[in-house]
Amino acid sequence: MISAVGLQKLWVYALMYIVGFVPESVLPKITSGLARLLLFLKTEAAHVTLINIKIFDPSLSDKAAQDMCLSSLSNSLTLIYELSKLRFSSRLDPENMIQDIENIDVFEKAKATGRGVLLLMPHLGCWEFMNVFLKGRTEVSALYDKPNINGLDDFITSTREKFGARMFPISASGLRQVFKSLERNELLVFLPDQVPDYGARGFIGTFFGHDAYTSDLVHRVINKYDSVIVFGLVVRDFSEGRVKYRICFEKPADEIYSKDVEVHISSLNSSLEGLVMKAPEQYQWSYKRYKRLNKLEKNIYRRQ
């Protein structure tokens, strides 16, 4: 008999498989319609997205904030389709899916140093496609925050591992494994705009003018392993009537290597802000980036 966890996993795989049959030509209309429904129903995702967008740009009118909210939610829903295609499609043509690659020399020079490379990405666009791009170019390990749904955790992990990435949860054991990969001068992918848990090491930084609890993991890694940092992102594009991707790499400011953790975090968040500004409507504003500042502090996401 199938356990509750097994049944949950089965449902996730079945749903994701079905999603992959949606024609790309109508995908924007479907995700846009679903985004409007999420906003109309005043869902938690829409609620959090609107709050974060107002922090991102307080000058936006209510109408402009709602329009950006719809775009962000639509892009987040598109990621579900993309995960399905990456997981189940046996005829992926990665080269034909790439519209452009910006600053590839930044990535190649980092690899050529012979040191471990930290590829830092924001939750923007289709960050999952970076695994496809990196396949065959370098050995990849990645840290991830486990989702609350068991079946979804298995699905996402297996999708990433399909393209050769070794996945490790953000835990003591997971960190030990990725540190070994850096000792072998391999590449580690990490999305540093995730909020560390209470009790985890972190510092208050500023992200789009608002205090944000930020992990000091990157700072610890570069000081211990002398790793090279590269920023990257994958922006999606529908202008040709189908999903294509623009891959971008950026060299960080020198301040990110500072021994002073506060200087480091300021530089880290500033670089992430610059990446988000390339396509702010594709950022995952539904993530509670400004939580966990202080257990006693008012929760800005709590409904009134």
Foldseek 3Di string as FASTA:
>chain_A
DADPLRVLLVVLLVVLLVLLPDDQLCLLVVLLVVLVVCVVVVHLLLLLLLVLVCLLPVVDDPVRSSVLSSLQSSQVVVLSNVLSCLQPPPDDDQVVQAPAEAPVVVVVVQLVVLAAEEEEEAQFHNQLCVLVVCQPVFQEEEEDAADPRSSVSVSSCNSSCVSRYHYFYPDPVSVVVVLVVRVSRTYYYYHFLDADDVVADWDWADASRDTFTTHLVVQVSCVVRVHAYKYKDWHWDCPVSGTHIYIYIDHFDPQLNDNPSHSNVHSVNVVNNVVCVVPVSRHSSSDQRRPDPDPPDDDPSDDD
